[in-house]
Amino acid sequence: MIARLMPLSLIFVSALGVAQAGPTQTQADIPAVLQTLQTGDSKARKSAAEQLAIAAPSKSICDAFSAIADKLSDSDSGVRTWVAGILLECVISDPALASLAARQRTALLSGLSSPDPTERVMMLRLVVSLGDPLAGEFQSRVFELLHDPDRKVRLIAVSAVQLYKPLPSEVVMALDSMIENKDDDRGAAAQTLGEMKISDPRTIGLLETALQDKDRYVRQEAVRALMEIGHPAGHAVSALRVLANDPKTDDMLKKLANDAINAIQQ
């Protein structure tokens, strides 16, 4: 889920707005930096967390996972954000660490409600990476983030709801509304509805309408969604044929539309 939103190498650059460090910084004296993270003032802790985040997931950093995870409760938002990024890299590198991060339930839930959207982004990424250990416990908060004022948070939340099966009707309606209201995130919403194989007639009707969306990405994800839904999306076959036969449709999307027709009619 995370990978389709942003490559890992770009997480810190995009979410935190910094340039990636060169070899000298990433090869810092890890034990000393870890010590600073635990004992320095807020500025020093933030700098230490930044260095560790950029160097993660090296073994020496992930071996200190529990001590680093405790800093999810740090008083400084910047430290908490960088620490969430460190833990995310380590969990992706070694999924067995997820259970250790899941112990920080209070800090994670607090981070999802942070006033800082960058912290919310990174905490949500971390929660998603933990998967089942936190799924039920964090369900309502993740659903709330579908309406977050920050688009990056919403985009991750749209993908994150796939942790919860079956989706409650109010979540399906929220995703439907993104398509109906031509929200900027409607392409991601269509993708999630397809991956969750939502076969509600309202959803299928909105996906059918989205086949004519002005945005090529939205049209593509609507086609993919209908293909994933399969036979229940039979009513959309005519609209798919129109898209496939439109001379303005590019060859790749034409093929995808024909593949969707075949999948639905099987």
Protein backbone atom coordinates (compact mmCIF):
# COMPACT_ATOMS: atom_id res chain seq x y z
CA MET A 1 0.00 0.00 0.00
CA ILE A 2 2.70 2.40 0.87
CA ALA A 3 4.81 1.62 -2.14
CA ARG A 4 2.13 2.65 -4.61
CA LEU A 5 1.98 6.10 -3.06
CA MET A 6 5.63 6.94 -2.87
CA PRO A 7 8.96 5.08 -3.25
CA LEU A 8 10.73 4.64 0.08
CA SER A 9 13.73 6.61 -1.10
CA LEU A 10 11.50 9.67 -1.41
CA ILE A 11 9.66 9.40 1.91
CA PHE A 12 11.90 11.76 3.83
CA VAL A 13 12.46 14.14 0.92
CA SER A 14 8.76 14.59 0.22
CA ALA A 15 7.18 14.30 3.64
CA LEU A 16 9.80 16.21 5.58
CA GLY A 17 11.05 18.60 2.93
CA VAL A 18 14.79 17.90 3.18
CA ALA A 19 17.52 16.88 0.80
CA GLN A 20 19.00 13.43 1.19
CA ALA A 21 22.30 13.47 2.99
CA GLY A 22 25.56 12.36 1.44
CA PRO A 23 27.73 9.43 2.55
CA THR A 24 29.56 11.39 5.27
CA GLN A 25 26.40 12.22 7.18
CA THR A 26 24.76 8.84 6.76
CA GLN A 27 27.88 7.08 8.07
CA ALA A 28 27.84 9.07 11.32
CA ASP A 29 28.96 7.55 14.59
CA ILE A 30 25.69 5.73 15.23
CA PRO A 31 26.23 4.99 18.96
CA ALA A 32 27.00 8.65 19.65
CA VAL A 33 24.01 9.80 17.63
CA LEU A 34 21.76 7.34 19.45
CA GLN A 35 23.03 8.72 22.75
CA THR A 36 22.24 12.26 21.62
CA LEU A 37 18.73 11.16 20.68
CA GLN A 38 18.20 10.02 24.25
CA THR A 39 19.86 12.85 26.19
CA GLY A 40 20.31 15.98 24.06
CA ASP A 41 18.19 19.10 24.05
CA SER A 42 15.28 19.24 21.59
CA LYS A 43 17.37 20.73 18.78
CA ALA A 44 20.12 18.14 19.24
CA ARG A 45 17.58 15.30 19.48
CA LYS A 46 15.91 16.43 16.27
CA SER A 47 19.27 16.57 14.47
CA ALA A 48 20.17 13.11 15.79
CA ALA A 49 16.81 11.67 14.71
CA GLU A 50 17.27 13.19 11.25
CA GLN A 51 20.71 11.59 10.85
CA LEU A 52 19.41 8.21 11.95
CA ALA A 53 16.37 8.44 9.65
CA ILE A 54 18.52 9.13 6.62
CA ALA A 55 20.92 6.30 7.53
CA ALA A 56 18.15 3.77 8.32
CA PRO A 57 17.65 0.86 8.04
CA SER A 58 21.24 -0.04 8.91
CA LYS A 59 21.65 -2.96 11.33
CA SER A 60 23.16 -0.82 14.08
CA ILE A 61 20.12 1.46 14.00
CA CYS A 62 17.49 -1.27 13.84
CA ASP A 63 19.25 -3.15 16.66
CA ALA A 64 18.37 -0.15 18.86
CA PHE A 65 14.74 -0.32 17.71
CA SER A 66 13.13 -0.45 21.17
CA ALA A 67 15.09 2.53 22.51
CA ILE A 68 14.31 4.54 19.39
CA ALA A 69 10.63 3.57 19.54
CA ASP A 70 10.39 5.08 23.03
CA LYS A 71 11.09 8.47 21.42
CA LEU A 72 7.72 8.35 19.65
CA SER A 73 6.60 10.06 22.86
CA ASP A 74 9.22 12.81 22.61
CA SER A 75 8.03 16.33 23.48
CA ASP A 76 9.22 17.65 20.10
CA SER A 77 7.07 17.01 17.02
CA GLY A 78 10.08 17.01 14.71
CA VAL A 79 11.78 14.30 16.74
CA ARG A 80 8.61 12.19 16.75
CA THR A 81 8.27 12.55 12.99
CA TRP A 82 11.84 11.51 12.24
CA VAL A 83 11.60 8.63 14.73
CA ALA A 84 8.43 7.35 13.02
CA GLY A 85 10.39 7.39 9.77
CA ILE A 86 13.25 5.41 11.32
CA LEU A 87 10.85 2.79 12.66
CA LEU A 88 9.07 2.59 9.31
CA GLU A 89 12.32 1.85 7.47
CA CYS A 90 13.30 -0.79 10.04
CA VAL A 91 9.88 -2.50 10.00
CA ILE A 92 9.93 -2.67 6.20
CA SER A 93 13.44 -4.11 6.38
CA ASP A 94 12.50 -6.57 9.14
CA PRO A 95 8.73 -7.14 9.59
CA ALA A 96 9.41 -9.01 12.84
CA LEU A 97 10.01 -5.61 14.44
CA ALA A 98 6.35 -4.64 13.93
CA SER A 99 5.32 -6.15 17.25
CA LEU A 100 7.81 -3.91 19.09
CA ALA A 101 6.50 -0.78 17.39
CA ALA A 102 2.91 -1.86 18.10
CA ARG A 103 3.62 -1.50 21.81
CA GLN A 104 3.70 2.27 21.32
CA ARG A 105 -0.06 2.44 20.84
CA THR A 106 -0.62 5.60 22.84
CA ALA A 107 2.15 7.51 21.06
CA LEU A 108 1.02 6.33 17.64
CA LEU A 109 -2.59 7.31 18.24
CA SER A 110 -1.46 10.69 19.52
CA GLY A 111 0.72 11.17 16.45
CA LEU A 112 -2.23 10.54 14.15
CA SER A 113 -3.94 13.49 15.83
CA SER A 114 -0.90 15.78 15.73
CA PRO A 115 -1.47 19.39 14.60
CA ASP A 116 1.52 18.91 12.27
CA PRO A 117 0.42 17.26 9.00
CA THR A 118 3.95 15.97 8.39
CA GLU A 119 3.82 14.06 11.65
CA ARG A 120 0.39 12.70 10.77
CA VAL A 121 1.73 11.53 7.40
CA MET A 122 4.66 9.64 8.91
CA MET A 123 2.69 8.18 11.81
CA LEU A 124 0.03 6.93 9.40
CA ARG A 125 2.68 5.35 7.18
CA LEU A 126 4.07 3.60 10.23
CA VAL A 127 0.66 2.39 11.39
CA VAL A 128 -0.06 1.00 7.92
CA SER A 129 3.27 -0.84 7.91
CA LEU A 130 2.36 -2.54 11.19
CA GLY A 131 -0.79 -4.02 9.67
CA ASP A 132 -2.85 -6.43 11.75
CA PRO A 133 -1.36 -5.69 15.20
CA LEU A 134 -3.06 -2.30 15.20
CA ALA A 135 -5.83 -2.75 12.65
CA GLY A 136 -8.90 -2.87 14.88
CA GLU A 137 -7.54 -0.50 17.48
CA PHE A 138 -6.84 2.29 15.01
CA GLN A 139 -9.73 1.75 12.62
CA SER A 140 -11.88 4.74 13.57
CA ARG A 141 -8.96 7.19 13.50
CA VAL A 142 -7.77 5.98 10.09
CA PHE A 143 -11.29 6.40 8.75
CA GLU A 144 -11.41 9.95 10.14
CA LEU A 145 -8.21 10.77 8.24
CA LEU A 146 -10.08 10.26 4.96
CA HIS A 147 -11.36 13.78 5.65
CA ASP A 148 -8.03 15.24 6.80
CA PRO A 149 -7.38 18.81 5.57
CA ASP A 150 -3.95 17.75 4.28
CA ARG A 151 -3.98 15.93 0.94
CA LYS A 152 -0.91 13.76 1.67
CA VAL A 153 -2.62 12.43 4.78
CA ARG A 154 -5.85 11.75 2.86
CA LEU A 155 -4.02 9.88 0.11
CA ILE A 156 -2.36 7.52 2.58
CA ALA A 157 -5.64 7.08 4.45
CA VAL A 158 -7.40 6.13 1.20
CA SER A 159 -4.93 3.30 0.80
CA ALA A 160 -4.80 2.47 4.53
CA VAL A 161 -8.49 1.61 4.75
CA GLN A 162 -7.64 -1.62 2.93
CA LEU A 163 -6.50 -2.94 6.32
CA TYR A 164 -10.13 -3.19 7.30
CA LYS A 165 -12.32 -5.80 5.64
CA PRO A 166 -15.15 -5.56 5.00
CA LEU A 167 -15.27 -1.80 4.70
CA PRO A 168 -18.08 -0.14 6.68
CA SER A 169 -20.72 1.48 4.50
CA GLU A 170 -19.73 4.97 5.66
CA VAL A 171 -16.18 4.44 4.37
CA VAL A 172 -17.43 3.20 1.01
CA MET A 173 -19.63 6.29 0.85
CA ALA A 174 -16.65 8.53 1.67
CA LEU A 175 -14.65 6.99 -1.17
CA ASP A 176 -17.65 7.23 -3.49
CA SER A 177 -17.99 10.91 -2.63
CA MET A 178 -14.41 11.57 -3.68
CA ILE A 179 -15.31 10.34 -7.15
CA GLU A 180 -18.73 11.97 -7.27
CA ASN A 181 -17.41 15.37 -6.17
CA LYS A 182 -14.35 15.16 -8.44
CA ASP A 183 -12.05 15.38 -5.46
CA ASP A 184 -8.33 15.57 -6.26
CA ASP A 185 -7.99 12.13 -4.68
CA ARG A 186 -10.68 10.46 -6.80
CA GLY A 187 -8.15 8.35 -8.71
CA ALA A 188 -6.79 6.85 -5.50
CA ALA A 189 -10.34 6.32 -4.25
CA ALA A 190 -11.24 4.42 -7.43
CA GLN A 191 -8.15 2.27 -7.02
CA THR A 192 -9.04 1.34 -3.45
CA LEU A 193 -12.67 0.61 -4.31
CA GLY A 194 -11.46 -1.76 -7.02
CA GLU A 195 -8.87 -3.47 -4.87
CA MET A 196 -11.51 -3.99 -2.20
CA LYS A 197 -13.88 -5.31 -4.92
CA ILE A 198 -16.73 -3.07 -3.82
CA SER A 199 -19.68 -4.17 -5.94
CA ASP A 200 -22.30 -1.75 -4.64
CA PRO A 201 -24.39 -0.46 -7.60
CA ARG A 202 -23.73 3.16 -6.57
CA THR A 203 -19.96 2.56 -6.59
CA ILE A 204 -20.09 0.84 -9.98
CA GLY A 205 -22.18 3.67 -11.40
CA LEU A 206 -19.68 6.28 -10.20
CA LEU A 207 -16.76 4.29 -11.60
CA GLU A 208 -18.61 4.08 -14.91
CA THR A 209 -19.03 7.86 -14.92
CA ALA A 210 -15.33 8.25 -14.08
CA LEU A 211 -14.46 6.50 -17.35
CA GLN A 212 -15.14 9.87 -18.99
CA ASP A 213 -13.19 11.92 -16.45
CA LYS A 214 -10.95 14.64 -17.86
CA ASP A 215 -8.00 13.21 -15.89
CA ARG A 216 -6.32 10.28 -17.64
CA TYR A 217 -5.16 8.75 -14.32
CA VAL A 218 -8.71 8.75 -13.02
CA ARG A 219 -9.99 7.04 -16.17
CA GLN A 220 -7.25 4.44 -15.86
CA GLU A 221 -8.01 3.68 -12.20
CA ALA A 222 -11.75 3.49 -12.93
CA VAL A 223 -11.04 0.89 -15.63
CA ARG A 224 -8.77 -1.07 -13.27
CA ALA A 225 -11.38 -0.93 -10.52
CA LEU A 226 -14.14 -2.26 -12.77
CA MET A 227 -11.82 -5.03 -13.94
CA GLU A 228 -11.10 -5.99 -10.30
CA ILE A 229 -14.81 -5.98 -9.42
CA GLY A 230 -15.49 -8.28 -12.36
CA HIS A 231 -18.89 -9.75 -13.20
CA PRO A 232 -20.95 -7.49 -10.86
CA ALA A 233 -19.75 -4.54 -12.97
CA GLY A 234 -21.51 -5.85 -16.07
CA HIS A 235 -23.54 -2.67 -16.48
CA ALA A 236 -20.30 -0.77 -17.19
CA VAL A 237 -19.33 -2.86 -20.23
CA SER A 238 -20.99 -0.45 -22.67
CA ALA A 239 -19.13 2.51 -21.23
CA LEU A 240 -15.88 0.56 -21.36
CA ARG A 241 -16.49 -0.18 -25.04
CA VAL A 242 -17.05 3.53 -25.70
CA LEU A 243 -13.73 4.31 -24.03
CA ALA A 244 -11.92 1.53 -25.89
CA ASN A 245 -13.28 2.71 -29.27
CA ASP A 246 -12.70 6.42 -28.70
CA PRO A 247 -9.95 7.57 -31.12
CA LYS A 248 -8.73 9.95 -28.41
CA THR A 249 -8.00 7.06 -26.04
CA ASP A 250 -4.34 6.03 -26.04
CA ASP A 251 -3.39 2.46 -26.94
CA MET A 252 -2.46 1.45 -23.40
CA LEU A 253 -5.80 2.56 -21.99
CA LYS A 254 -7.66 0.92 -24.90
CA LYS A 255 -6.00 -2.38 -24.11
CA LEU A 256 -6.78 -1.98 -20.42
CA ALA A 257 -10.44 -1.25 -21.21
CA ASN A 258 -10.70 -4.35 -23.42
CA ASP A 259 -9.02 -6.44 -20.72
CA ALA A 260 -11.60 -5.12 -18.24
CA ILE A 261 -14.46 -6.07 -20.59
CA ASN A 262 -13.08 -9.59 -20.88
CA ALA A 263 -12.64 -9.89 -17.10
CA ILE A 264 -16.21 -8.71 -16.46
CA GLN A 265 -17.73 -11.04 -19.05
CA GLN A 266 -15.90 -14.18 -17.92
